[in-house]
Amino acid sequence: MSARGWMAWLYRHPLAAFLLLGLSFLLFGLGTINLALLLQLNLKLWLEAGWQAAMDGALRQLGELLLSGYAAMAAYIIFKCCEKALVEWLTRREEDKRK
């Protein structure tokens, strides 16, 4: 489904958009909780221990943190799309809603 098709679906199904809005909000929150702190600590470990940190799992942890950041960003984009669809649906004039 294209981006326009996805948005059109959200406009036609406001309850589903609302439920998806809440779910994506929770996923964004879970994905970003302590993310900045963990990234800072991971980079500090790299600076202190060098490649030994990478061998001990810091490289894998850095990859997981970056993946978590991108997943949170995807959840935020879904949140914003649902928000846009709901705001436009709620603020339409009565004549437009009957169509």
C-alpha atoms as a PDB file:
ATOM      1  CA  MET A   1       0.000   0.000   0.000  1.00  0.00           C
ATOM      2  CA  SER A   2       1.336   3.420  -0.912  1.00  0.00           C
ATOM      3  CA  ALA A   3       1.660   6.304   1.539  1.00  0.00           C
ATOM      4  CA  ARG A   4      -1.393   7.996   0.009  1.00  0.00           C
ATOM      5  CA  GLY A   5      -3.385   4.790   0.229  1.00  0.00           C
ATOM      6  CA  TRP A   6      -2.356   4.380   3.858  1.00  0.00           C
ATOM      7  CA  MET A   7      -3.428   7.946   4.696  1.00  0.00           C
ATOM      8  CA  ALA A   8      -6.712   7.487   2.822  1.00  0.00           C
ATOM      9  CA  TRP A   9      -7.375   4.367   4.893  1.00  0.00           C
ATOM     10  CA  LEU A  10      -6.700   6.326   8.098  1.00  0.00           C
ATOM     11  CA  TYR A  11      -9.138   9.057   6.989  1.00  0.00           C
ATOM     12  CA  ARG A  12     -11.863   6.455   6.347  1.00  0.00           C
ATOM     13  CA  HIS A  13     -11.298   4.637   9.660  1.00  0.00           C
ATOM     14  CA  PRO A  14     -10.965   7.230  12.448  1.00  0.00           C
ATOM     15  CA  LEU A  15     -11.405   4.708  15.270  1.00  0.00           C
ATOM     16  CA  ALA A  16      -8.598   2.544  13.903  1.00  0.00           C
ATOM     17  CA  ALA A  17      -6.475   5.691  13.476  1.00  0.00           C
ATOM     18  CA  PHE A  18      -7.144   6.581  17.119  1.00  0.00           C
ATOM     19  CA  LEU A  19      -6.187   3.099  18.340  1.00  0.00           C
ATOM     20  CA  LEU A  20      -3.052   3.091  16.177  1.00  0.00           C
ATOM     21  CA  LEU A  21      -2.220   6.581  17.462  1.00  0.00           C
ATOM     22  CA  GLY A  22      -2.252   5.304  21.053  1.00  0.00           C
ATOM     23  CA  LEU A  23      -0.235   2.205  20.232  1.00  0.00           C
ATOM     24  CA  SER A  24       2.414   4.134  18.307  1.00  0.00           C
ATOM     25  CA  PHE A  25       2.617   6.680  21.151  1.00  0.00           C
ATOM     26  CA  LEU A  26       3.345   3.878  23.621  1.00  0.00           C
ATOM     27  CA  LEU A  27       5.897   2.252  21.311  1.00  0.00           C
ATOM     28  CA  PHE A  28       7.633   5.600  20.781  1.00  0.00           C
ATOM     29  CA  GLY A  29       7.797   6.114  24.542  1.00  0.00           C
ATOM     30  CA  LEU A  30       9.161   2.634  25.168  1.00  0.00           C
ATOM     31  CA  GLY A  31      11.666   2.967  22.349  1.00  0.00           C
ATOM     32  CA  THR A  32      13.091   6.245  23.568  1.00  0.00           C
ATOM     33  CA  ILE A  33      13.107   5.700  27.311  1.00  0.00           C
ATOM     34  CA  ASN A  34      16.697   6.029  28.488  1.00  0.00           C
ATOM     35  CA  LEU A  35      17.912   5.871  24.870  1.00  0.00           C
ATOM     36  CA  ALA A  36      20.026   9.008  25.132  1.00  0.00           C
ATOM     37  CA  LEU A  37      21.534   7.904  28.457  1.00  0.00           C
ATOM     38  CA  LEU A  38      22.376   4.428  27.164  1.00  0.00           C
ATOM     39  CA  LEU A  39      23.949   5.829  23.992  1.00  0.00           C
ATOM     40  CA  GLN A  40      26.045   8.224  26.085  1.00  0.00           C
ATOM     41  CA  LEU A  41      27.214   5.414  28.373  1.00  0.00           C
ATOM     42  CA  ASN A  42      27.992   3.170  25.397  1.00  0.00           C
ATOM     43  CA  LEU A  43      30.115   5.852  23.736  1.00  0.00           C
ATOM     44  CA  LYS A  44      31.858   6.597  27.048  1.00  0.00           C
ATOM     45  CA  LEU A  45      32.750   2.902  27.346  1.00  0.00           C
ATOM     46  CA  TRP A  46      34.168   2.978  23.798  1.00  0.00           C
ATOM     47  CA  LEU A  47      36.324   5.972  24.630  1.00  0.00           C
ATOM     48  CA  GLU A  48      37.607   4.388  27.843  1.00  0.00           C
ATOM     49  CA  ALA A  49      38.181   0.801  26.694  1.00  0.00           C
ATOM     50  CA  GLY A  50      38.590   1.122  22.923  1.00  0.00           C
ATOM     51  CA  TRP A  51      38.214  -2.013  20.823  1.00  0.00           C
ATOM     52  CA  GLN A  52      38.188  -4.201  23.918  1.00  0.00           C
ATOM     53  CA  ALA A  53      34.728  -2.749  24.606  1.00  0.00           C
ATOM     54  CA  ALA A  54      33.651  -3.817  21.116  1.00  0.00           C
ATOM     55  CA  MET A  55      34.860  -7.350  21.762  1.00  0.00           C
ATOM     56  CA  ASP A  56      32.962  -7.398  25.071  1.00  0.00           C
ATOM     57  CA  GLY A  57      29.649  -6.591  23.392  1.00  0.00           C
ATOM     58  CA  ALA A  58      29.584  -2.793  23.157  1.00  0.00           C
ATOM     59  CA  LEU A  59      29.439  -2.953  19.357  1.00  0.00           C
ATOM     60  CA  ARG A  60      26.386  -5.184  19.451  1.00  0.00           C
ATOM     61  CA  GLN A  61      24.816  -2.966  22.094  1.00  0.00           C
ATOM     62  CA  LEU A  62      25.451   0.118  19.950  1.00  0.00           C
ATOM     63  CA  GLY A  63      23.746  -1.589  17.004  1.00  0.00           C
ATOM     64  CA  GLU A  64      20.771  -2.512  19.162  1.00  0.00           C
ATOM     65  CA  LEU A  65      20.517   1.052  20.463  1.00  0.00           C
ATOM     66  CA  LEU A  66      20.587   2.459  16.933  1.00  0.00           C
ATOM     67  CA  LEU A  67      17.923  -0.040  15.836  1.00  0.00           C
ATOM     68  CA  SER A  68      15.809   0.948  18.820  1.00  0.00           C
ATOM     69  CA  GLY A  69      16.176   4.588  17.821  1.00  0.00           C
ATOM     70  CA  TYR A  70      15.030   3.898  14.266  1.00  0.00           C
ATOM     71  CA  ALA A  71      12.089   1.802  15.505  1.00  0.00           C
ATOM     72  CA  ALA A  72      11.071   4.670  17.790  1.00  0.00           C
ATOM     73  CA  MET A  73      11.337   7.074  14.859  1.00  0.00           C
ATOM     74  CA  ALA A  74       9.067   4.823  12.773  1.00  0.00           C
ATOM     75  CA  ALA A  75       6.542   4.753  15.623  1.00  0.00           C
ATOM     76  CA  TYR A  76       6.692   8.560  15.770  1.00  0.00           C
ATOM     77  CA  ILE A  77       6.006   8.835  12.035  1.00  0.00           C
ATOM     78  CA  ILE A  78       2.985   6.538  12.396  1.00  0.00           C
ATOM     79  CA  PHE A  79       1.843   8.665  15.339  1.00  0.00           C
ATOM     80  CA  LYS A  80       2.079  11.868  13.277  1.00  0.00           C
ATOM     81  CA  CYS A  81       0.180  10.327  10.330  1.00  0.00           C
ATOM     82  CA  CYS A  82      -2.623   9.178  12.623  1.00  0.00           C
ATOM     83  CA  GLU A  83      -2.678  12.564  14.330  1.00  0.00           C
ATOM     84  CA  LYS A  84      -2.985  14.363  10.988  1.00  0.00           C
ATOM     85  CA  ALA A  85      -5.801  12.089   9.826  1.00  0.00           C
ATOM     86  CA  LEU A  86      -7.730  12.497  13.081  1.00  0.00           C
ATOM     87  CA  VAL A  87      -7.304  16.263  13.271  1.00  0.00           C
ATOM     88  CA  GLU A  88      -8.475  16.679   9.693  1.00  0.00           C
ATOM     89  CA  TRP A  89     -11.376  14.277  10.252  1.00  0.00           C
ATOM     90  CA  LEU A  90     -12.448  16.100  13.428  1.00  0.00           C
ATOM     91  CA  THR A  91     -12.199  19.579  11.912  1.00  0.00           C
ATOM     92  CA  ARG A  92     -14.047  18.888   8.639  1.00  0.00           C
ATOM     93  CA  ARG A  93     -17.242  20.831   8.065  1.00  0.00           C
ATOM     94  CA  GLU A  94     -20.536  18.955   8.279  1.00  0.00           C
ATOM     95  CA  GLU A  95     -21.074  19.142   4.492  1.00  0.00           C
ATOM     96  CA  ASP A  96     -17.772  17.364   3.892  1.00  0.00           C
ATOM     97  CA  LYS A  97     -18.510  14.649   6.461  1.00  0.00           C
ATOM     98  CA  ARG A  98     -21.680  13.584   4.624  1.00  0.00           C
ATOM     99  CA  LYS A  99     -19.729  12.783   1.442  1.00  0.00           C
END
